[in-house]
Amino acid sequence: MSNIGRPPCDEGVVRSSKAAAPCTPSSGPWVLAATILGSSMAFIDGTVVNVALPALQQNLGATARDAQWIVESYALLLSALILVGGSLGDHLGRRRIYAAGIALFAVASLLCGLARDPGQLIAARALQGVGGAMLVPGSLAIIGASFDEDRRGKAIGTWSGFSGITSALGPVLGGFLIDQFSWRAAFFINVPLAVVVLALVFRHVPESRDPDARRIDVPGAVFATVGLGGIVYGMTESSRAGFGTIPVILSLLVGIAALLAFVLIERRSREPMMPLSLFRSRNFAGANLLTLFLYAGLGGALYFLPFDLIQVHGYSATAAGSAFLPFVVITFLLSRWAGGLVTRYGARLPLIIGPIVAAVGFVLFALPGTGGSYWTTFFPAVVVMGLGMSFVIAPLTTTAMNSVEGSHSGLASGVNNAVSRTAGVLAIAVIGVFVFAAFSSMLDSRLSSLDLPPKAQATLQSEKGDLGAAHVPEGLGVKKSAAVKGAIAESFVAGFRVAMFVAAALALASALTSAIMVEGKGHLRSSEHAGRAESNLA
C-alpha cells in the first residue's frame, strides 16, 4: 500500500527519450503489452506485499521489524539501483536488460513464494529489488525508443490508462489471492506473467541502445546502497535495541558517511548517475525537496494502513486492498486536469495547494478509533488524499522536466523518480521509530491498570515487537483477555495516529518548500538556472 501511488515523472522519462528503434505499426500494441505487463509486475508486487504483511506475521512468525525489512529490502535496492538499471539498458541494450530484469524478478518471486522463514523472504525480496531496478526503467525506455513523435502521445495515453487499471486492480487482486489461497500465491502469479512478457519481448520488441549514454556509475551505486542501507538498518533496529547500542550507532554512522561519500563521488565524477549540478536550478531543487517530503509522508504512513485495517478493524485482505481504490480513481481522473493548471497558474500554486490538501487527508486518517464503518472512517480520508495528490503529480513532473533544458530532461525526470522511491525507503524506517515508541508507551499505560500476573506482563513485553499482531497471553480469562486485546488495538491506533501526524507535517513541509523554492507563472529565473545547469553537465 505504501507504493499505491506511481512515482512522479514516469511519463517525463518516456517523453524525453529518443525514438532510437521505432517499431512497426503492427508491433506497436505488442510492445506496449510487453512493457505494461512487465512494469505492472513490479508495481503490483509492491502494493500486494503490504496487504500480505499481516498474513506473513501470522503464518511465518514475522515480527513487525521483519515486516519492515520485507518491504525495505526490495524498495532499498530498487531505489538505489534504478538509475544504474537505466544506464545498463542504454549501454548493453534496453531489450536485453529489460528481459534480464523480468527473468530475475520471476526467479526472485518464486523464491519469495517458497520462503520458509522471514530471513529467506527478505533475501528473496532483495533479489526482486535488483530485478525491479532493471525492468522498471527498461519499460519506460523501451516505450520512448519504440515510438516516434507522431505515435508517442497515443502510446503514452494507452500505457497510462492501463497503468491506472493496474493500480486499481493490483491490491484487490492481491488481497483476493491471499484470502482465497495463500500469501504465497501473490508471488507465484508473477512467474506465468513473466513467461508471457518474455515471449512478447523477444518476438516484438526491437533492440535499442544510446550511443551517447552516460557511463555506468558503479561507485555511486555502491555508496548510495550502503548509505541508505546503513540508515534504514539503524533506524529499524533502534526500536528493538535502542539508539544507544553499538550496532545501531555504527550502522547510522556508516550510512551517513557513505551518503557523504556518495555526494563527493557525484561531484567529482565526469558522468555521475545523479549530477549535482542539476540542483543549481532552484526549481529542480525545490521540486525534489518537495518530492522527498511528500512521498516520504505518503509511503511511510500508508505502509501502516493495512495493519490498521486488518489487525485492528478486522478487514479481510481483499477489503484492505480495496480500501484505497478511490485514491487511485481520483488521481487517475484528475491528474490530467491538474496538469492544465500549470498553463493557467504556473506550477507553484498547485504544488502548494496539493500538499496542504494531502496533509488534511493524513489528519483525517488519524481520527478513527478501533471501530466504525469504512464510509465514515477511512473513505473521507482516502478521497481527500486523492484530491491532494491529484494537484501534485502532473505539475511536479512538468516542473522537474522544465527545470533543465532539452537534452537533460530525461535525466532530470529519472532523478526525481529515484528521489520519490528513496523517500519511501527512508520514511518507513524513520516513521516506524515513532510508531514503535507510541505503541510501547500506550501499551505500558493501558496494561498498568489491568493488574496482570507477572508472567503475562513479561509475555506482552516480549510481544511488543509485533505491534498490532501481539498475542494475548493464555490463561487470563475471558474478561481480562478481551481487555488486553483492546489495549493492543488501541495502542496500535495510537502509533498509527502518530504516523499520520508525522506524514501531515511532511506534507506541510513540502507545501512550504513549493512556496519558497518553486517559481510561479511568468518567472524566467528557472530557465536561467537551467541554462547554467546545462552548461555544467556538458
Protein backbone atom coordinates (compact mmCIF):
# COMPACT_ATOMS: atom_id res chain seq x y z
CA MET A 1 0.00 0.00 0.00
CA SER A 2 2.92 2.34 0.54
CA ASN A 3 3.58 2.06 -3.18
CA ILE A 4 -0.04 2.72 -4.17
CA GLY A 5 0.77 5.96 -5.99
CA ARG A 6 3.03 5.67 -9.03
CA PRO A 7 6.21 7.73 -8.70
CA PRO A 8 6.23 11.10 -10.48
CA CYS A 9 7.99 11.66 -13.80
CA ASP A 10 7.38 8.22 -15.32
CA GLU A 11 5.71 9.98 -18.25
CA GLY A 12 8.53 12.51 -18.33
CA VAL A 13 11.10 9.75 -18.80
CA VAL A 14 9.15 8.42 -21.80
CA ARG A 15 8.58 11.81 -23.43
CA SER A 16 12.23 12.80 -23.21
CA SER A 17 13.54 9.59 -24.80
CA LYS A 18 14.77 9.37 -28.37
CA ALA A 19 12.96 7.05 -30.81
CA ALA A 20 16.16 5.06 -31.39
CA ALA A 21 14.46 1.93 -32.80
CA PRO A 22 10.88 2.69 -33.90
CA CYS A 23 8.69 -0.40 -34.06
CA THR A 24 6.35 -1.18 -36.93
CA PRO A 25 2.68 -0.17 -36.57
CA SER A 26 1.69 -3.83 -36.28
CA SER A 27 4.19 -4.42 -33.47
CA GLY A 28 3.22 -1.31 -31.51
CA PRO A 29 0.39 -2.88 -29.48
CA TRP A 30 2.59 -5.85 -28.59
CA VAL A 31 5.43 -3.59 -27.47
CA LEU A 32 3.01 -1.74 -25.22
CA ALA A 33 1.64 -5.01 -23.87
CA ALA A 34 5.16 -6.22 -23.04
CA THR A 35 6.10 -3.00 -21.23
CA ILE A 36 2.78 -2.60 -19.40
CA LEU A 37 2.69 -6.20 -18.17
CA GLY A 38 6.35 -6.14 -17.16
CA SER A 39 6.29 -2.89 -15.22
CA SER A 40 2.96 -3.90 -13.68
CA MET A 41 4.62 -6.96 -12.18
CA ALA A 42 6.86 -4.74 -10.10
CA PHE A 43 4.13 -2.28 -9.24
CA ILE A 44 1.52 -4.89 -8.27
CA ASP A 45 4.09 -6.74 -6.20
CA GLY A 46 4.87 -3.58 -4.24
CA THR A 47 1.22 -2.98 -3.35
CA VAL A 48 0.33 -6.64 -2.77
CA VAL A 49 3.13 -7.23 -0.30
CA ASN A 50 1.84 -4.52 2.03
CA VAL A 51 -1.60 -6.13 2.09
CA ALA A 52 0.07 -9.52 2.70
CA LEU A 53 2.20 -8.36 5.65
CA PRO A 54 -0.38 -9.16 8.38
CA ALA A 55 -0.73 -12.69 6.96
CA LEU A 56 3.07 -13.00 6.86
CA GLN A 57 3.25 -12.05 10.52
CA GLN A 58 0.73 -14.72 11.37
CA ASN A 59 1.92 -17.55 9.09
CA LEU A 60 5.69 -17.02 9.03
CA GLY A 61 6.04 -15.75 12.58
CA ALA A 62 7.48 -12.45 11.30
CA THR A 63 7.88 -9.61 13.77
CA ALA A 64 6.93 -6.04 12.89
CA ARG A 65 10.62 -5.35 12.19
CA ASP A 66 10.76 -8.38 9.88
CA ALA A 67 7.71 -6.97 8.08
CA GLN A 68 9.53 -3.68 7.62
CA TRP A 69 12.54 -5.45 6.14
CA ILE A 70 10.32 -7.47 3.78
CA VAL A 71 9.30 -4.15 2.25
CA GLU A 72 12.56 -2.27 2.74
CA SER A 73 14.92 -4.88 1.27
CA TYR A 74 13.05 -4.61 -2.04
CA ALA A 75 12.50 -0.86 -2.02
CA LEU A 76 16.06 -0.05 -0.92
CA LEU A 77 17.76 -1.86 -3.79
CA LEU A 78 15.17 -0.67 -6.29
CA SER A 79 15.62 2.99 -5.35
CA ALA A 80 19.44 2.81 -5.07
CA LEU A 81 19.97 0.96 -8.36
CA ILE A 82 17.18 2.27 -10.60
CA LEU A 83 19.40 4.90 -12.27
CA VAL A 84 22.08 2.26 -12.83
CA GLY A 85 19.48 -0.06 -14.32
CA GLY A 86 18.57 2.61 -16.85
CA SER A 87 22.25 3.13 -17.73
CA LEU A 88 22.76 -0.60 -18.24
CA GLY A 89 19.95 -0.61 -20.79
CA ASP A 90 21.42 2.38 -22.63
CA HIS A 91 24.82 0.66 -22.89
CA LEU A 92 24.04 -3.05 -23.28
CA GLY A 93 20.65 -2.91 -24.96
CA ARG A 94 17.31 -1.94 -23.48
CA ARG A 95 15.52 -5.10 -24.57
CA ARG A 96 18.32 -7.30 -23.20
CA ILE A 97 18.41 -5.63 -19.77
CA TYR A 98 14.61 -5.47 -19.57
CA ALA A 99 14.34 -9.18 -20.34
CA ALA A 100 17.06 -9.98 -17.79
CA GLY A 101 15.20 -7.91 -15.20
CA ILE A 102 11.94 -9.75 -15.92
CA ALA A 103 13.66 -13.14 -15.61
CA LEU A 104 15.43 -12.18 -12.38
CA PHE A 105 12.21 -10.77 -10.92
CA ALA A 106 10.38 -14.00 -11.77
CA VAL A 107 13.05 -16.20 -10.15
CA ALA A 108 13.04 -14.00 -7.07
CA SER A 109 9.22 -14.16 -6.93
CA LEU A 110 9.40 -17.95 -6.99
CA LEU A 111 11.90 -17.88 -4.13
CA CYS A 112 9.61 -15.49 -2.22
CA GLY A 113 6.72 -17.92 -2.59
CA LEU A 114 8.87 -20.83 -1.40
CA ALA A 115 10.32 -18.98 1.61
CA ARG A 116 10.09 -20.87 4.91
CA ASP A 117 11.08 -18.09 7.29
CA PRO A 118 11.29 -14.29 7.30
CA GLY A 119 15.03 -14.30 6.58
CA GLN A 120 14.59 -16.24 3.34
CA LEU A 121 11.78 -13.96 2.26
CA ILE A 122 13.79 -10.82 2.98
CA ALA A 123 16.71 -12.14 0.90
CA ALA A 124 14.41 -13.06 -1.98
CA ARG A 125 12.77 -9.64 -1.83
CA ALA A 126 16.21 -8.01 -2.09
CA LEU A 127 16.80 -10.02 -5.27
CA GLN A 128 13.43 -8.82 -6.53
CA GLY A 129 14.61 -5.26 -5.96
CA VAL A 130 17.61 -5.81 -8.22
CA GLY A 131 15.32 -7.22 -10.91
CA GLY A 132 12.95 -4.30 -10.47
CA ALA A 133 15.80 -1.80 -10.90
CA MET A 134 16.44 -3.37 -14.32
CA LEU A 135 12.88 -3.75 -15.57
CA VAL A 136 11.21 -0.54 -14.32
CA PRO A 137 13.44 1.97 -16.19
CA GLY A 138 13.71 -0.50 -19.06
CA SER A 139 9.96 -0.47 -19.65
CA LEU A 140 9.89 3.34 -19.86
CA ALA A 141 12.97 3.49 -22.09
CA ILE A 142 11.57 0.89 -24.49
CA ILE A 143 8.35 2.90 -24.97
CA GLY A 144 10.39 6.03 -25.67
CA ALA A 145 12.71 4.22 -28.09
CA SER A 146 9.97 2.29 -29.92
CA PHE A 147 7.54 5.10 -30.79
CA ASP A 148 8.38 8.20 -32.80
CA GLU A 149 6.91 11.61 -32.07
CA ASP A 150 3.80 11.06 -34.19
CA ARG A 151 2.79 7.93 -32.29
CA ARG A 152 4.28 8.61 -28.86
CA GLY A 153 1.35 10.59 -27.47
CA LYS A 154 -1.11 7.80 -28.19
CA ALA A 155 1.33 5.20 -26.82
CA ILE A 156 1.77 7.15 -23.59
CA GLY A 157 -2.01 7.53 -23.27
CA THR A 158 -2.51 3.78 -23.68
CA TRP A 159 0.30 2.99 -21.25
CA SER A 160 -1.02 5.49 -18.71
CA GLY A 161 -4.59 4.17 -18.99
CA PHE A 162 -3.66 0.55 -18.47
CA SER A 163 -1.27 1.53 -15.69
CA GLY A 164 -4.21 3.20 -13.97
CA ILE A 165 -6.23 0.00 -14.26
CA THR A 166 -3.29 -1.94 -12.85
CA SER A 167 -3.04 0.49 -9.95
CA ALA A 168 -6.70 -0.04 -9.14
CA LEU A 169 -6.87 -3.81 -9.52
CA GLY A 170 -3.46 -4.80 -8.15
CA PRO A 171 -4.15 -4.52 -4.41
CA VAL A 172 -7.64 -6.03 -4.84
CA LEU A 173 -6.29 -9.00 -6.80
CA GLY A 174 -3.54 -9.48 -4.25
CA GLY A 175 -5.99 -9.40 -1.38
CA PHE A 176 -8.22 -11.92 -3.15
CA LEU A 177 -5.31 -14.33 -3.69
CA ILE A 178 -4.30 -14.01 -0.04
CA ASP A 179 -7.83 -14.61 1.24
CA GLN A 180 -8.72 -17.45 -1.12
CA PHE A 181 -5.39 -19.23 -1.42
CA SER A 182 -2.28 -18.00 0.39
CA TRP A 183 0.13 -15.09 0.57
CA ARG A 184 2.44 -17.30 -1.49
CA ALA A 185 0.05 -17.08 -4.46
CA ALA A 186 0.65 -13.31 -4.60
CA PHE A 187 4.28 -14.09 -5.51
CA PHE A 188 3.74 -17.18 -7.65
CA ILE A 189 1.44 -15.26 -10.03
CA ASN A 190 4.47 -13.35 -11.29
CA VAL A 191 6.02 -16.47 -12.83
CA PRO A 192 3.46 -17.14 -15.61
CA LEU A 193 3.20 -13.38 -16.21
CA ALA A 194 6.96 -13.24 -16.73
CA VAL A 195 6.81 -16.07 -19.27
CA VAL A 196 4.21 -14.15 -21.29
CA VAL A 197 6.21 -10.92 -21.10
CA LEU A 198 9.45 -12.58 -22.20
CA ALA A 199 7.69 -14.17 -25.17
CA LEU A 200 6.36 -10.76 -26.23
CA VAL A 201 9.72 -9.08 -25.70
CA PHE A 202 11.75 -11.48 -27.83
CA ARG A 203 9.14 -11.62 -30.58
CA HIS A 204 8.06 -7.99 -30.93
CA VAL A 205 10.33 -5.53 -29.08
CA PRO A 206 13.21 -4.08 -31.16
CA GLU A 207 16.62 -3.73 -29.54
CA SER A 208 17.93 -0.23 -28.95
CA ARG A 209 20.91 1.48 -27.35
CA ASP A 210 22.05 5.03 -26.73
CA PRO A 211 25.47 5.67 -28.30
CA ASP A 212 25.78 8.86 -26.25
CA ALA A 213 24.79 7.23 -22.96
CA ARG A 214 26.46 8.30 -19.74
CA ARG A 215 28.83 5.69 -18.37
CA ILE A 216 27.68 3.40 -15.58
CA ASP A 217 28.41 4.96 -12.18
CA VAL A 218 29.35 1.86 -10.17
CA PRO A 219 30.97 3.71 -7.21
CA GLY A 220 27.94 5.97 -6.89
CA ALA A 221 25.56 3.00 -6.86
CA VAL A 222 27.62 1.17 -4.23
CA PHE A 223 27.82 4.12 -1.85
CA ALA A 224 24.14 5.01 -2.35
CA THR A 225 23.15 1.44 -1.46
CA VAL A 226 25.43 1.27 1.58
CA GLY A 227 24.33 4.70 2.76
CA LEU A 228 20.61 4.01 2.51
CA GLY A 229 21.06 0.53 3.92
CA GLY A 230 23.02 1.75 6.94
CA ILE A 231 20.45 4.38 7.86
CA VAL A 232 17.49 2.04 7.30
CA TYR A 233 19.10 -0.74 9.35
CA GLY A 234 19.99 1.61 12.19
CA MET A 235 16.55 3.21 12.37
CA THR A 236 14.72 -0.12 12.09
CA GLU A 237 16.80 -1.90 14.72
CA SER A 238 16.68 1.06 17.11
CA SER A 239 13.10 0.16 18.04
CA ARG A 240 14.37 -3.15 19.42
CA ALA A 241 17.85 -2.38 20.72
CA GLY A 242 17.66 1.37 21.32
CA PHE A 243 19.66 4.22 19.78
CA GLY A 244 22.44 3.89 22.35
CA THR A 245 23.58 0.39 21.32
CA ILE A 246 26.83 -0.04 19.40
CA PRO A 247 25.35 -1.85 16.33
CA VAL A 248 22.75 0.87 15.83
CA ILE A 249 25.26 3.71 16.29
CA LEU A 250 27.76 2.08 13.92
CA SER A 251 25.07 1.42 11.33
CA LEU A 252 23.88 5.02 11.36
CA LEU A 253 27.45 6.36 11.21
CA VAL A 254 28.34 4.08 8.29
CA GLY A 255 25.15 5.13 6.49
CA ILE A 256 25.78 8.84 6.95
CA ALA A 257 29.45 8.51 5.98
CA ALA A 258 28.53 6.53 2.85
CA LEU A 259 25.97 9.13 1.76
CA LEU A 260 28.51 11.92 2.27
CA ALA A 261 30.98 9.90 0.19
CA PHE A 262 28.25 9.47 -2.44
CA VAL A 263 27.87 13.25 -2.68
CA LEU A 264 31.64 13.70 -3.07
CA ILE A 265 31.80 10.98 -5.74
CA GLU A 266 28.93 12.54 -7.69
CA ARG A 267 30.59 15.97 -7.51
CA ARG A 268 33.90 14.69 -8.86
CA SER A 269 32.66 12.15 -11.39
CA ARG A 270 32.63 13.18 -15.04
CA GLU A 271 29.40 11.29 -15.65
CA PRO A 272 27.62 10.78 -12.31
CA MET A 273 24.32 8.91 -12.13
CA MET A 274 22.88 11.87 -10.16
CA PRO A 275 24.54 15.06 -11.43
CA LEU A 276 24.53 17.51 -8.53
CA SER A 277 24.79 20.43 -10.94
CA LEU A 278 21.13 19.82 -11.79
CA PHE A 279 20.27 21.06 -8.32
CA ARG A 280 21.68 24.50 -9.12
CA SER A 281 18.32 25.10 -10.71
CA ARG A 282 16.16 26.42 -7.89
CA ASN A 283 13.04 24.91 -9.44
CA PHE A 284 14.65 21.49 -9.76
CA ALA A 285 15.99 21.56 -6.21
CA GLY A 286 12.60 22.67 -4.93
CA ALA A 287 10.75 20.00 -6.91
CA ASN A 288 12.97 17.27 -5.50
CA LEU A 289 12.82 18.53 -1.93
CA LEU A 290 9.02 18.66 -2.26
CA THR A 291 9.11 15.10 -3.62
CA LEU A 292 11.27 13.93 -0.73
CA PHE A 293 8.92 15.34 1.91
CA LEU A 294 5.57 14.49 0.31
CA TYR A 295 6.39 10.98 -0.87
CA ALA A 296 8.04 10.24 2.46
CA GLY A 297 4.76 11.09 4.15
CA LEU A 298 2.74 9.08 1.65
CA GLY A 299 4.95 5.99 1.67
CA GLY A 300 5.87 5.97 5.34
CA ALA A 301 2.38 6.49 6.75
CA LEU A 302 0.44 4.31 4.33
CA TYR A 303 2.80 1.42 4.99
CA PHE A 304 0.97 1.06 8.31
CA LEU A 305 -2.55 1.38 6.87
CA PRO A 306 -3.11 -2.32 6.02
CA PHE A 307 -2.05 -3.30 9.56
CA ASP A 308 -4.65 -0.92 11.00
CA LEU A 309 -7.36 -2.13 8.62
CA ILE A 310 -6.69 -5.86 9.06
CA GLN A 311 -5.39 -6.23 12.64
CA VAL A 312 -7.46 -3.54 14.36
CA HIS A 313 -10.60 -3.13 12.24
CA GLY A 314 -10.89 -6.76 11.12
CA TYR A 315 -10.82 -6.16 7.35
CA SER A 316 -10.06 -9.07 5.05
CA ALA A 317 -7.03 -8.73 2.78
CA THR A 318 -9.38 -8.15 -0.16
CA ALA A 319 -11.24 -5.39 1.67
CA ALA A 320 -7.96 -3.79 2.75
CA GLY A 321 -6.72 -3.88 -0.84
CA SER A 322 -9.96 -2.26 -1.99
CA ALA A 323 -9.93 0.48 0.65
CA PHE A 324 -7.64 2.73 -1.38
CA LEU A 325 -9.47 2.34 -4.70
CA PRO A 326 -10.99 5.84 -4.50
CA PHE A 327 -7.47 7.30 -4.29
CA VAL A 328 -6.40 5.54 -7.49
CA VAL A 329 -9.56 6.51 -9.36
CA ILE A 330 -9.41 10.17 -8.28
CA THR A 331 -5.73 10.64 -9.14
CA PHE A 332 -6.21 8.89 -12.49
CA LEU A 333 -9.21 11.03 -13.46
CA LEU A 334 -7.98 14.39 -12.18
CA SER A 335 -4.23 14.35 -12.82
CA ARG A 336 -4.55 15.40 -16.46
CA TRP A 337 -6.90 18.24 -15.45
CA ALA A 338 -4.42 19.33 -12.80
CA GLY A 339 -1.71 19.38 -15.45
CA GLY A 340 -3.70 22.09 -17.23
CA LEU A 341 -3.48 24.26 -14.15
CA VAL A 342 0.23 24.74 -14.81
CA THR A 343 -0.56 26.57 -18.06
CA ARG A 344 -3.07 28.88 -16.37
CA TYR A 345 -1.49 29.49 -12.99
CA GLY A 346 2.05 28.12 -13.12
CA ALA A 347 3.36 25.14 -11.13
CA ARG A 348 3.80 26.77 -7.73
CA LEU A 349 0.12 27.26 -6.85
CA PRO A 350 -1.00 23.62 -7.38
CA LEU A 351 2.20 22.43 -5.69
CA ILE A 352 1.23 24.45 -2.62
CA ILE A 353 -2.47 23.56 -2.59
CA GLY A 354 -1.98 19.85 -3.29
CA PRO A 355 0.28 19.03 -0.32
CA ILE A 356 -1.91 21.09 2.03
CA VAL A 357 -4.98 19.11 0.97
CA ALA A 358 -2.97 15.88 1.32
CA ALA A 359 -1.99 16.95 4.85
CA VAL A 360 -5.69 17.29 5.69
CA GLY A 361 -6.15 13.75 4.37
CA PHE A 362 -3.44 12.44 6.67
CA VAL A 363 -5.09 14.12 9.64
CA LEU A 364 -8.43 12.54 8.70
CA PHE A 365 -6.72 9.14 8.75
CA ALA A 366 -5.75 9.81 12.37
CA LEU A 367 -9.35 10.35 13.53
CA PRO A 368 -10.84 6.78 13.53
CA GLY A 369 -10.55 4.71 16.68
CA THR A 370 -10.95 0.92 16.80
CA GLY A 371 -14.40 0.70 15.20
CA GLY A 372 -16.77 2.32 12.71
CA SER A 373 -17.86 1.87 9.11
CA TYR A 374 -15.36 2.34 6.29
CA TRP A 375 -17.57 5.04 4.75
CA THR A 376 -17.42 7.21 7.87
CA THR A 377 -13.84 6.47 8.93
CA PHE A 378 -11.32 5.88 6.13
CA PHE A 379 -13.28 6.78 2.98
CA PRO A 380 -13.25 10.56 3.60
CA ALA A 381 -9.50 10.45 4.26
CA VAL A 382 -8.85 8.46 1.08
CA VAL A 383 -10.90 10.90 -1.02
CA VAL A 384 -9.17 14.00 0.40
CA MET A 385 -5.77 12.34 -0.03
CA GLY A 386 -6.60 11.56 -3.66
CA LEU A 387 -7.65 15.14 -4.32
CA GLY A 388 -4.43 16.46 -2.81
CA MET A 389 -2.14 14.17 -4.77
CA SER A 390 -4.06 14.91 -7.99
CA PHE A 391 -2.88 18.52 -7.75
CA VAL A 392 0.73 17.39 -7.38
CA ILE A 393 1.59 14.63 -9.86
CA ALA A 394 1.38 16.41 -13.24
CA PRO A 395 2.72 19.83 -12.08
CA LEU A 396 5.61 18.09 -10.32
CA THR A 397 6.52 16.20 -13.49
CA THR A 398 6.33 19.41 -15.52
CA THR A 399 8.49 21.32 -13.04
CA ALA A 400 11.17 18.64 -12.87
CA MET A 401 11.37 18.32 -16.67
CA ASN A 402 11.31 22.04 -17.43
CA SER A 403 13.91 22.93 -14.82
CA VAL A 404 16.70 21.82 -17.15
CA GLU A 405 16.94 22.26 -20.85
CA GLY A 406 16.20 19.82 -23.64
CA SER A 407 18.73 17.03 -23.67
CA HIS A 408 18.80 16.58 -19.90
CA SER A 409 15.05 16.48 -19.24
CA GLY A 410 15.09 12.68 -19.25
CA LEU A 411 17.90 12.63 -16.69
CA ALA A 412 16.05 15.15 -14.54
CA SER A 413 12.90 13.02 -14.70
CA GLY A 414 14.83 9.90 -13.73
CA VAL A 415 16.45 11.65 -10.76
CA ASN A 416 13.09 12.89 -9.47
CA ASN A 417 11.64 9.41 -9.89
CA ALA A 418 14.50 7.93 -7.86
CA VAL A 419 14.08 10.58 -5.15
CA SER A 420 10.41 9.63 -4.72
CA ARG A 421 11.34 5.98 -4.21
CA THR A 422 14.17 6.83 -1.84
CA ALA A 423 11.79 8.96 0.22
CA GLY A 424 9.57 5.96 0.89
CA VAL A 425 12.54 3.78 1.86
CA LEU A 426 13.78 6.24 4.47
CA ALA A 427 10.32 7.19 5.75
CA ILE A 428 9.19 3.66 6.58
CA ALA A 429 12.23 3.25 8.82
CA VAL A 430 12.03 6.72 10.40
CA ILE A 431 8.26 6.84 10.93
CA GLY A 432 8.46 3.28 12.22
CA VAL A 433 10.55 4.56 15.15
CA PHE A 434 7.72 6.91 16.16
CA VAL A 435 5.11 4.17 15.76
CA PHE A 436 7.03 1.71 17.94
CA ALA A 437 7.60 4.35 20.63
CA ALA A 438 3.94 5.42 20.72
CA PHE A 439 2.70 1.82 20.72
CA SER A 440 5.03 0.82 23.55
CA SER A 441 4.17 3.84 25.69
CA MET A 442 0.42 3.42 25.26
CA LEU A 443 0.53 -0.34 25.89
CA ASP A 444 2.50 0.14 29.11
CA SER A 445 -0.03 2.73 30.25
CA ARG A 446 -3.03 0.55 29.46
CA LEU A 447 -1.58 -2.63 30.98
CA SER A 448 -0.63 -0.91 34.24
CA SER A 449 -4.31 -0.61 35.11
CA LEU A 450 -5.21 -4.26 34.36
CA ASP A 451 -3.38 -5.94 37.26
CA LEU A 452 -1.98 -8.77 35.14
CA PRO A 453 0.14 -11.64 36.51
CA PRO A 454 3.92 -11.08 36.17
CA LYS A 455 4.23 -13.88 33.60
CA ALA A 456 1.55 -12.32 31.39
CA GLN A 457 3.21 -8.91 31.69
CA ALA A 458 6.56 -10.39 30.68
CA THR A 459 4.94 -12.12 27.69
CA LEU A 460 3.37 -8.90 26.49
CA GLN A 461 6.64 -7.02 26.88
CA SER A 462 8.31 -9.58 24.62
CA GLU A 463 5.43 -9.27 22.13
CA LYS A 464 5.79 -5.51 21.68
CA GLY A 465 7.91 -6.06 18.60
CA ASP A 466 4.86 -7.48 16.83
CA LEU A 467 2.82 -4.29 17.31
CA GLY A 468 -0.84 -4.98 16.45
CA ALA A 469 -0.11 -8.69 15.95
CA ALA A 470 0.93 -9.17 19.60
CA HIS A 471 -0.73 -12.24 21.11
CA VAL A 472 -2.90 -12.19 24.20
CA PRO A 473 -1.28 -14.40 26.90
CA GLU A 474 -3.14 -17.59 27.74
CA GLY A 475 -4.96 -18.23 30.98
CA LEU A 476 -6.19 -14.71 31.66
CA GLY A 477 -9.88 -15.46 31.49
CA VAL A 478 -12.44 -14.06 29.08
CA LYS A 479 -12.77 -10.59 30.60
CA LYS A 480 -9.06 -9.85 31.00
CA SER A 481 -8.23 -11.38 27.61
CA ALA A 482 -10.73 -9.02 25.99
CA ALA A 483 -9.24 -6.08 27.91
CA VAL A 484 -5.71 -6.98 26.78
CA LYS A 485 -6.85 -7.40 23.19
CA GLY A 486 -8.48 -3.98 23.34
CA ALA A 487 -5.34 -2.47 24.85
CA ILE A 488 -3.22 -3.86 21.99
CA ALA A 489 -5.63 -2.50 19.38
CA GLU A 490 -5.84 0.94 20.99
CA SER A 491 -2.05 1.06 21.37
CA PHE A 492 -1.59 0.36 17.68
CA VAL A 493 -4.13 3.07 16.83
CA ALA A 494 -2.05 5.46 18.96
CA GLY A 495 1.05 4.58 16.94
CA PHE A 496 -0.88 4.82 13.67
CA ARG A 497 -2.08 8.30 14.60
CA VAL A 498 1.47 9.43 15.27
CA ALA A 499 2.48 8.14 11.82
CA MET A 500 -0.31 10.15 10.22
CA PHE A 501 0.57 13.33 12.11
CA VAL A 502 4.22 12.97 11.07
CA ALA A 503 3.06 12.44 7.47
CA ALA A 504 0.86 15.54 7.68
CA ALA A 505 3.85 17.56 8.93
CA LEU A 506 5.94 16.30 6.00
CA ALA A 507 3.19 17.24 3.55
CA LEU A 508 3.03 20.76 5.00
CA ALA A 509 6.83 20.96 4.74
CA SER A 510 6.52 20.10 1.05
CA ALA A 511 3.94 22.87 0.58
CA LEU A 512 6.28 25.35 2.29
CA THR A 513 9.11 24.18 0.04
CA SER A 514 6.96 24.89 -3.02
CA ALA A 515 6.08 28.36 -1.74
CA ILE A 516 9.74 29.25 -1.17
CA MET A 517 11.59 27.48 -3.99
CA VAL A 518 9.25 26.79 -6.93
CA GLU A 519 8.72 29.81 -9.13
CA GLY A 520 5.29 30.93 -10.23
CA LYS A 521 3.92 31.75 -13.65
CA GLY A 522 5.85 34.35 -15.59
CA HIS A 523 9.19 33.92 -13.81
CA LEU A 524 12.20 33.44 -16.04
CA ARG A 525 14.76 32.68 -13.40
CA SER A 526 14.28 28.91 -13.72
CA SER A 527 15.35 28.90 -17.34
CA GLU A 528 18.46 30.89 -16.47
CA HIS A 529 19.37 28.37 -13.78
CA ALA A 530 18.56 25.57 -16.17
CA GLY A 531 20.98 27.01 -18.68
CA ARG A 532 23.71 27.10 -16.08
CA ALA A 533 22.99 23.52 -15.08
CA GLU A 534 23.07 22.56 -18.75
CA SER A 535 26.48 24.13 -19.25
CA ASN A 536 27.87 22.34 -16.22
CA LEU A 537 26.60 19.00 -17.50
CA ALA A 538 28.04 19.44 -20.97
